[in-house]
Amino acid sequence: MIKDPESIYKPNVRKGGWYKLKPDYIGGLMDQVDVLVVGGYFGVGSRSHMMSHFLCAVAVPATDGERPAVFHSFCRVCDFNLHCMMSLSAYC
């Protein structure tokens, strides 16, 4: 989903700054993307002892074989089942 930060969501409206991009819409969209988990958020309630959301970022390509030093966050990943969250939290 791509949206204009100034737009307001309106259900069942197909214009107005909210655009859905699917792999079928754009050729080459689902090529390889290197994504890093750069942060996490603790859950609430019964999930307060584990990470329930993860912040992902892509690296800005470095020059001359250097390691990337700049990363741009672009999404937060959530909606894991409890078993998956417990497995992922073991690495945090």
C-alpha atoms as a PDB file:
ATOM      1  CA  MET A   1       0.000   0.000   0.000  1.00  0.00           C
ATOM      2  CA  ILE A   2       1.339   3.427  -0.916  1.00  0.00           C
ATOM      3  CA  LYS A   3      -0.403   6.512   0.392  1.00  0.00           C
ATOM      4  CA  ASP A   4      -0.158  10.253   0.373  1.00  0.00           C
ATOM      5  CA  PRO A   5       0.517  11.273   4.010  1.00  0.00           C
ATOM      6  CA  GLU A   6      -1.990  14.125   3.659  1.00  0.00           C
ATOM      7  CA  SER A   7      -4.822  11.901   2.417  1.00  0.00           C
ATOM      8  CA  ILE A   8      -7.719  10.568   4.472  1.00  0.00           C
ATOM      9  CA  TYR A   9      -8.864   6.966   4.150  1.00  0.00           C
ATOM     10  CA  LYS A  10     -12.366   6.564   2.741  1.00  0.00           C
ATOM     11  CA  PRO A  11     -13.833   3.036   2.599  1.00  0.00           C
ATOM     12  CA  ASN A  12     -14.867   1.791  -0.857  1.00  0.00           C
ATOM     13  CA  VAL A  13     -13.249   4.770  -2.622  1.00  0.00           C
ATOM     14  CA  ARG A  14     -10.734   3.865  -5.323  1.00  0.00           C
ATOM     15  CA  LYS A  15      -8.965   7.234  -5.511  1.00  0.00           C
ATOM     16  CA  GLY A  16      -7.732   9.877  -3.148  1.00  0.00           C
ATOM     17  CA  GLY A  17      -4.101   9.099  -2.401  1.00  0.00           C
ATOM     18  CA  TRP A  18      -4.227   5.397  -1.457  1.00  0.00           C
ATOM     19  CA  TYR A  19      -2.727   2.965  -3.984  1.00  0.00           C
ATOM     20  CA  LYS A  20      -2.398  -0.789  -3.725  1.00  0.00           C
ATOM     21  CA  LEU A  21       0.536  -2.319  -5.595  1.00  0.00           C
ATOM     22  CA  LYS A  22       0.462  -6.046  -6.185  1.00  0.00           C
ATOM     23  CA  PRO A  23       3.143  -8.134  -7.894  1.00  0.00           C
ATOM     24  CA  ASP A  24       0.696  -8.773 -10.726  1.00  0.00           C
ATOM     25  CA  TYR A  25       0.424  -5.029 -11.422  1.00  0.00           C
ATOM     26  CA  ILE A  26       4.107  -4.289 -12.005  1.00  0.00           C
ATOM     27  CA  GLY A  27       6.577  -6.567 -13.753  1.00  0.00           C
ATOM     28  CA  GLY A  28       9.715  -7.213 -11.714  1.00  0.00           C
ATOM     29  CA  LEU A  29       8.167  -5.959  -8.476  1.00  0.00           C
ATOM     30  CA  MET A  30       8.789  -9.243  -6.707  1.00  0.00           C
ATOM     31  CA  ASP A  31      12.453  -9.471  -7.534  1.00  0.00           C
ATOM     32  CA  GLN A  32      14.828  -9.902  -4.659  1.00  0.00           C
ATOM     33  CA  VAL A  33      14.823  -7.356  -1.857  1.00  0.00           C
ATOM     34  CA  ASP A  34      17.205  -7.561   1.090  1.00  0.00           C
ATOM     35  CA  VAL A  35      15.253  -6.624   4.199  1.00  0.00           C
ATOM     36  CA  LEU A  36      16.702  -6.284   7.687  1.00  0.00           C
ATOM     37  CA  VAL A  37      14.908  -6.390  11.004  1.00  0.00           C
ATOM     38  CA  VAL A  38      16.185  -3.249  12.726  1.00  0.00           C
ATOM     39  CA  GLY A  39      13.856  -3.029  15.708  1.00  0.00           C
ATOM     40  CA  GLY A  40      11.043  -4.570  17.625  1.00  0.00           C
ATOM     41  CA  TYR A  41       8.115  -3.640  19.794  1.00  0.00           C
ATOM     42  CA  PHE A  42       6.899  -5.498  22.867  1.00  0.00           C
ATOM     43  CA  GLY A  43       3.327  -6.719  22.844  1.00  0.00           C
ATOM     44  CA  VAL A  44       0.653  -5.929  25.407  1.00  0.00           C
ATOM     45  CA  GLY A  45      -1.324  -8.128  27.758  1.00  0.00           C
ATOM     46  CA  SER A  46      -0.424 -11.802  27.497  1.00  0.00           C
ATOM     47  CA  ARG A  47       2.230 -10.942  24.887  1.00  0.00           C
ATOM     48  CA  SER A  48       3.966  -8.239  26.937  1.00  0.00           C
ATOM     49  CA  HIS A  49       6.995 -10.445  27.591  1.00  0.00           C
ATOM     50  CA  MET A  50       7.882 -10.874  23.902  1.00  0.00           C
ATOM     51  CA  MET A  51       8.345  -8.907  20.719  1.00  0.00           C
ATOM     52  CA  SER A  52       5.099  -8.768  18.775  1.00  0.00           C
ATOM     53  CA  HIS A  53       5.974  -6.299  15.977  1.00  0.00           C
ATOM     54  CA  PHE A  54       9.209  -5.940  14.039  1.00  0.00           C
ATOM     55  CA  LEU A  55      10.508  -2.853  12.218  1.00  0.00           C
ATOM     56  CA  CYS A  56      12.088  -3.648   8.839  1.00  0.00           C
ATOM     57  CA  ALA A  57      14.476  -1.582   6.749  1.00  0.00           C
ATOM     58  CA  VAL A  58      16.425  -1.660   3.508  1.00  0.00           C
ATOM     59  CA  ALA A  59      20.055  -0.600   3.233  1.00  0.00           C
ATOM     60  CA  VAL A  60      21.247   2.263   1.072  1.00  0.00           C
ATOM     61  CA  PRO A  61      23.903   0.678  -1.161  1.00  0.00           C
ATOM     62  CA  ALA A  62      27.411   1.608  -0.083  1.00  0.00           C
ATOM     63  CA  THR A  63      30.174   2.541  -2.481  1.00  0.00           C
ATOM     64  CA  ASP A  64      33.457   0.772  -3.174  1.00  0.00           C
ATOM     65  CA  GLY A  65      32.623  -2.476  -1.364  1.00  0.00           C
ATOM     66  CA  GLU A  66      31.927  -0.762   1.954  1.00  0.00           C
ATOM     67  CA  ARG A  67      29.307  -2.068   4.317  1.00  0.00           C
ATOM     68  CA  PRO A  68      26.013  -0.164   4.268  1.00  0.00           C
ATOM     69  CA  ALA A  69      25.799   2.493   6.973  1.00  0.00           C
ATOM     70  CA  VAL A  70      22.414   4.056   6.179  1.00  0.00           C
ATOM     71  CA  PHE A  71      19.114   2.188   6.429  1.00  0.00           C
ATOM     72  CA  HIS A  72      15.583   3.328   5.651  1.00  0.00           C
ATOM     73  CA  SER A  73      12.762   1.755   7.619  1.00  0.00           C
ATOM     74  CA  PHE A  74       9.716   1.064   5.506  1.00  0.00           C
ATOM     75  CA  CYS A  75       7.360  -1.297   7.300  1.00  0.00           C
ATOM     76  CA  ARG A  76       6.330  -2.873  10.550  1.00  0.00           C
ATOM     77  CA  VAL A  77       5.602  -6.586  10.425  1.00  0.00           C
ATOM     78  CA  CYS A  78       3.009  -8.032  12.790  1.00  0.00           C
ATOM     79  CA  ASP A  79       0.154 -10.512  13.022  1.00  0.00           C
ATOM     80  CA  PHE A  80       2.195 -13.554  13.989  1.00  0.00           C
ATOM     81  CA  ASN A  81       0.582 -16.469  15.744  1.00  0.00           C
ATOM     82  CA  LEU A  82       1.749 -17.104  19.309  1.00  0.00           C
ATOM     83  CA  HIS A  83       4.053 -20.015  18.380  1.00  0.00           C
ATOM     84  CA  CYS A  84       5.814 -17.947  15.702  1.00  0.00           C
ATOM     85  CA  MET A  85       6.176 -14.944  18.030  1.00  0.00           C
ATOM     86  CA  MET A  86       7.751 -17.079  20.745  1.00  0.00           C
ATOM     87  CA  SER A  87      10.230 -18.536  18.238  1.00  0.00           C
ATOM     88  CA  LEU A  88      11.184 -15.112  16.887  1.00  0.00           C
ATOM     89  CA  SER A  89      11.470 -13.565  20.362  1.00  0.00           C
ATOM     90  CA  ALA A  90      14.058 -16.187  21.297  1.00  0.00           C
ATOM     91  CA  TYR A  91      16.473 -14.405  18.926  1.00  0.00           C
ATOM     92  CA  CYS A  92      15.883 -10.928  20.403  1.00  0.00           C
END
